[in-house]
Protein backbone atom coordinates (compact mmCIF):
# COMPACT_ATOMS: atom_id res chain seq x y z
CA MET A 1 0.05 -0.10 -0.05
CA THR A 2 1.31 3.46 -1.21
CA ILE A 3 0.15 6.60 0.84
CA ALA A 4 0.55 10.17 -0.61
CA ILE A 5 1.43 12.68 1.71
CA ILE A 6 0.56 16.33 0.50
CA LEU A 7 2.02 19.24 2.05
CA ALA A 8 -0.16 22.26 2.41
CA GLY A 9 0.70 23.79 5.53
CA GLY A 10 3.00 26.48 4.54
CA THR A 11 2.24 30.20 4.65
CA GLY A 12 3.68 31.23 1.17
CA SER A 13 5.39 34.52 2.44
CA ARG A 14 7.14 35.09 -0.84
CA ILE A 15 3.86 35.76 -2.50
CA LYS A 16 1.80 38.84 -2.37
CA SER A 17 -1.37 37.30 -1.49
CA ASP A 18 -3.86 37.47 1.74
CA ILE A 19 -4.07 33.80 1.54
CA PRO A 20 -1.16 30.72 1.55
CA LYS A 21 -0.25 30.23 -2.13
CA GLN A 22 -1.56 26.55 -2.25
CA PHE A 23 -5.07 27.85 -1.71
CA VAL A 24 -5.05 30.74 -4.30
CA GLU A 25 -7.26 29.99 -7.29
CA LEU A 26 -5.87 28.46 -10.46
CA SER A 27 -8.35 27.88 -13.43
CA GLY A 28 -11.30 27.78 -11.25
CA GLN A 29 -9.80 25.66 -8.31
CA MET A 30 -7.54 25.83 -5.48
CA MET A 31 -4.03 25.27 -6.42
CA ILE A 32 -3.97 22.14 -4.13
CA MET A 33 -6.65 20.43 -6.07
CA HIS A 34 -4.62 20.62 -9.10
CA ALA A 35 -1.51 18.82 -7.17
CA LEU A 36 -4.06 16.39 -5.76
CA ALA A 37 -5.91 15.31 -8.85
CA PRO A 38 -2.94 13.06 -10.32
CA PHE A 39 -2.62 11.46 -6.98
CA GLY A 40 -6.18 10.42 -7.14
CA GLU A 41 -5.84 9.25 -10.73
CA SER A 42 -2.57 7.00 -10.20
CA ASN A 43 -3.38 3.36 -9.96
CA LEU A 44 -0.32 3.09 -7.49
CA VAL A 45 -1.61 5.38 -4.74
CA ASP A 46 -4.05 3.85 -2.32
CA ASN A 47 -4.71 6.59 -0.10
CA ILE A 48 -4.01 10.42 0.43
CA GLN A 49 -2.98 12.08 3.67
CA ILE A 50 -2.93 16.00 3.75
CA VAL A 51 -0.90 18.04 5.98
CA ALA A 52 -2.90 21.36 6.36
CA ASN A 53 -3.90 23.98 9.36
CA GLU A 54 -7.06 23.42 10.76
CA SER A 55 -8.36 26.63 9.56
CA TRP A 56 -8.31 25.49 5.90
CA ARG A 57 -9.61 21.83 6.41
CA GLU A 58 -13.04 22.39 6.07
CA LYS A 59 -12.38 24.31 2.78
CA ILE A 60 -10.18 21.56 1.53
CA GLU A 61 -12.72 18.91 2.44
CA ASP A 62 -15.51 20.94 0.50
CA ALA A 63 -13.51 21.10 -2.51
CA ILE A 64 -12.48 17.41 -2.29
CA PHE A 65 -16.09 16.22 -1.53
CA GLU A 66 -17.86 18.57 -4.16
CA ASP A 67 -17.94 15.50 -6.43
CA PRO A 68 -18.20 12.41 -3.92
CA GLU A 69 -17.43 10.07 -6.71
CA SER A 70 -14.06 11.59 -7.46
CA VAL A 71 -11.11 9.41 -6.98
CA VAL A 72 -9.33 12.12 -4.64
CA ALA A 73 -12.65 11.86 -2.33
CA GLU A 74 -12.27 7.70 -2.40
CA LYS A 75 -8.65 7.94 -1.31
CA PHE A 76 -8.84 10.64 1.08
CA LEU A 77 -7.68 9.62 4.61
CA GLY A 78 -7.53 12.72 6.61
CA PHE A 79 -5.49 15.60 7.93
CA SER A 80 -2.24 15.98 9.94
CA ASP A 81 -0.82 19.14 11.74
CA PRO A 82 1.95 21.19 10.18
CA GLY A 83 5.25 21.01 12.12
CA GLU A 84 7.66 23.50 12.79
CA ASN A 85 9.48 22.95 9.54
CA ARG A 86 8.43 21.30 6.34
CA GLN A 87 10.18 17.79 7.46
CA LEU A 88 8.40 17.75 10.85
CA SER A 89 5.25 18.09 8.80
CA ILE A 90 6.11 15.09 6.92
CA TYR A 91 7.05 13.38 10.27
CA ASN A 92 3.90 14.45 11.68
CA ALA A 93 1.88 12.85 8.75
CA MET A 94 3.74 9.64 9.07
CA ARG A 95 3.17 9.35 12.80
CA ASP A 96 -0.46 9.65 12.06
CA LEU A 97 -0.35 7.03 9.37
CA LYS A 98 1.56 4.68 11.92
CA LYS A 99 -1.19 5.20 14.30
CA MET A 100 -3.85 4.42 12.10
CA LEU A 101 -1.70 1.27 10.91
CA ASP A 102 -1.61 0.14 14.67
CA CYS A 103 -5.19 0.85 15.05
CA ALA A 104 -6.16 -1.19 12.16
CA ARG A 105 -3.85 -4.00 13.10
CA GLU A 106 -5.78 -4.03 16.46
CA ASN A 107 -9.15 -4.00 14.86
CA ASP A 108 -9.87 -0.98 16.98
CA CYS A 109 -10.72 1.87 14.15
CA SER A 110 -13.33 3.12 11.75
CA ALA A 111 -14.19 1.29 8.72
CA LYS A 112 -12.71 4.32 6.54
CA ILE A 113 -9.24 3.02 7.93
CA GLY A 114 -9.83 -0.49 8.40
CA ASN A 115 -8.26 -1.54 5.36
CA ILE A 116 -4.70 -0.26 6.21
CA HIS A 117 -2.88 -3.37 7.43
CA ILE A 118 0.14 -2.46 5.93
CA ILE A 119 2.09 0.46 4.54
CA GLU A 120 4.84 -0.33 2.20
CA SER A 121 5.73 3.29 0.99
CA VAL A 122 4.93 6.85 1.17
CA ILE A 123 5.26 9.60 -1.76
CA ILE A 124 5.58 13.08 -0.50
CA HIS A 125 4.44 16.22 -2.78
CA ASP A 126 3.88 20.11 -2.17
CA ALA A 127 0.46 21.15 -2.60
CA ALA A 128 2.23 24.35 -4.38
CA ARG A 129 3.33 22.25 -7.18
CA PRO A 130 0.29 22.01 -9.30
CA PHE A 131 1.84 20.48 -12.48
CA VAL A 132 2.97 17.09 -11.11
CA THR A 133 1.76 14.25 -13.71
CA VAL A 134 0.57 10.63 -13.03
CA GLU A 135 3.86 9.52 -15.02
CA ASN A 136 5.86 11.43 -12.39
CA ILE A 137 4.41 9.68 -9.50
CA ASP A 138 4.10 6.11 -11.10
CA GLU A 139 7.80 6.22 -11.86
CA CYS A 140 8.66 7.18 -8.50
CA ILE A 141 6.78 4.47 -6.70
CA SER A 142 7.86 1.80 -9.25
CA ALA A 143 11.60 2.78 -8.64
CA LEU A 144 10.82 1.34 -4.91
CA ASP A 145 10.70 -2.28 -6.18
CA VAL A 146 14.60 -2.17 -6.12
CA HIS A 147 15.39 0.91 -4.35
CA ASP A 148 14.68 2.43 -0.80
CA GLY A 149 13.59 6.03 -2.43
CA ALA A 150 13.29 7.62 -5.41
CA MET A 151 13.24 11.31 -6.59
CA PRO A 152 12.95 13.13 -9.94
CA VAL A 153 15.89 15.25 -10.86
CA LEU A 154 17.06 18.00 -13.34
CA PRO A 155 20.73 18.13 -14.63
CA MET A 156 22.41 21.63 -14.10
CA LYS A 157 22.50 23.65 -17.04
CA ASP A 158 24.77 26.33 -15.50
CA THR A 159 28.01 26.36 -14.47
CA VAL A 160 28.15 25.82 -10.54
CA TYR A 161 30.67 27.35 -7.99
CA PHE A 162 31.52 26.76 -4.85
CA SER A 163 31.83 29.59 -2.03
CA ARG A 164 32.15 29.15 1.74
CA THR A 165 31.43 32.96 2.40
CA GLY A 166 29.37 33.74 -0.44
CA LYS A 167 31.91 36.55 -1.50
CA ARG A 168 34.59 34.70 -3.49
CA VAL A 169 34.64 31.61 -5.35
CA ASP A 170 36.56 28.88 -3.78
CA GLU A 171 36.07 25.94 -6.00
CA LEU A 172 34.76 24.99 -9.33
CA MET A 173 32.31 21.96 -9.37
CA ASN A 174 31.66 19.50 -11.99
CA ARG A 175 28.29 20.41 -13.20
CA SER A 176 27.76 17.03 -14.75
CA CYS A 177 27.68 15.50 -11.24
CA ILE A 178 25.13 18.09 -9.90
CA TYR A 179 21.50 17.67 -9.88
CA ALA A 180 18.42 19.67 -8.99
CA GLY A 181 15.95 17.76 -6.89
CA GLN A 182 12.37 18.05 -7.59
CA ALA A 183 9.08 16.38 -6.19
CA PRO A 184 7.31 14.11 -5.64
CA GLU A 185 9.73 11.82 -3.66
CA ALA A 186 8.75 8.33 -2.54
CA PHE A 187 10.37 6.27 0.20
CA ARG A 188 9.86 2.69 1.92
CA PHE A 189 7.62 3.70 4.87
CA ASP A 190 9.50 1.79 7.61
CA LYS A 191 13.01 2.90 6.78
CA TYR A 192 12.03 6.52 6.11
CA LEU A 193 9.97 6.84 9.42
CA ALA A 194 13.22 5.42 11.29
CA ALA A 195 15.22 7.81 9.45
CA ASN A 196 13.24 10.79 10.58
CA GLU A 197 12.87 9.44 13.98
CA ASP A 198 16.93 9.08 14.31
CA LEU A 199 17.03 13.00 13.62
CA LEU A 200 14.39 13.96 16.49
CA PRO A 201 14.27 16.32 18.42
CA ASP A 202 16.88 18.96 17.03
CA GLN A 203 18.57 17.79 13.89
CA ILE A 204 15.27 17.30 11.85
CA LEU A 205 14.87 21.20 12.13
CA MET A 206 17.76 21.62 9.96
CA ILE A 207 16.43 19.50 7.08
CA LYS A 208 15.64 21.24 3.96
CA GLY A 209 14.68 18.59 1.48
CA SER A 210 12.70 15.28 1.89
CA THR A 211 15.45 13.31 0.86
CA GLU A 212 18.11 14.55 3.10
CA PRO A 213 17.13 12.02 6.04
CA ALA A 214 17.15 9.01 3.67
CA ILE A 215 20.69 9.87 2.49
CA MET A 216 21.83 10.58 6.21
CA ALA A 217 20.48 6.98 7.07
CA GLY A 218 22.29 5.46 4.22
CA MET A 219 18.97 4.33 2.36
CA ASP A 220 19.40 3.97 -1.50
CA VAL A 221 17.63 6.74 -3.46
CA ALA A 222 17.31 6.34 -7.10
CA MET A 223 17.31 9.25 -9.24
CA ILE A 224 14.71 9.43 -12.14
CA PRO A 225 14.43 12.06 -15.09
CA GLY A 226 12.58 15.30 -13.92
CA ASP A 227 10.40 17.71 -15.75
CA GLN A 228 11.12 21.26 -16.32
CA ARG A 229 7.48 22.21 -16.55
CA HIS A 230 6.94 20.57 -13.21
CA PHE A 231 8.03 23.64 -11.02
CA LYS A 232 7.11 24.90 -7.60
CA VAL A 233 4.92 28.02 -7.29
CA THR A 234 7.17 30.32 -4.98
CA THR A 235 7.13 33.86 -6.08
CA ASP A 236 4.56 35.88 -7.72
CA GLU A 237 6.24 35.32 -11.37
CA ASP A 238 5.64 31.52 -10.54
CA LEU A 239 2.00 32.26 -9.89
CA GLU A 240 1.56 34.39 -12.88
CA ARG A 241 3.39 31.52 -15.05
CA ALA A 242 1.12 29.03 -13.43
CA ARG A 243 -1.95 31.16 -14.44
CA GLU A 244 -0.72 31.30 -17.99
CA ILE A 245 -0.38 27.62 -18.30
CA LEU A 246 -3.50 26.59 -16.99
CA GLY A 247 -5.41 29.49 -18.55
């Protein structure tokens, strides 16, 4: 069983908006709904858990269940609380999933989660990445047949320099060996949960990318080809670009 964790707890402070960017309307829907749809469509994703602040949960649920027969509605499990940083948000969701799993194994839970008797993997994605595709998702999950994790990457096109101070160049770097990570990122559940628990309580606050705990724990993480069109909406310019694409 593979469960998608969708991160929607950020504040989106770099965009000039009264609401977090993941809830800004794009082509008639909140941005998060565009990000959710391919996970609903993927045959390799069994359930969806969303990390979101309580103040937005009702609006998210209303959007999901507007069509009660939608594949997202069928797969939706529930919500988890955002953490102090992105990685703690991921950990909170995995901890909630582990509780559901334990509950199901003890036959002491609702019918909605009663079919969760094993969690083989999780796939993590940002609600502010509305252009993920079913192909992106399936390729990441399929890689877990032979790897502990998988992430899409893009090769560096520009020359890359290393600087210790940010004021002068200290080293040249071989850009053919440098890659930019994208999302979604998929991991074997038990190993990745343990990798995050090993970083509690303080080290986890220093984590910037989902794959860092896996690498630190010695997990085997495959790289799959990324997609230039699959960008994260971070700035006002990104938001305008997303509107042009969807419009």
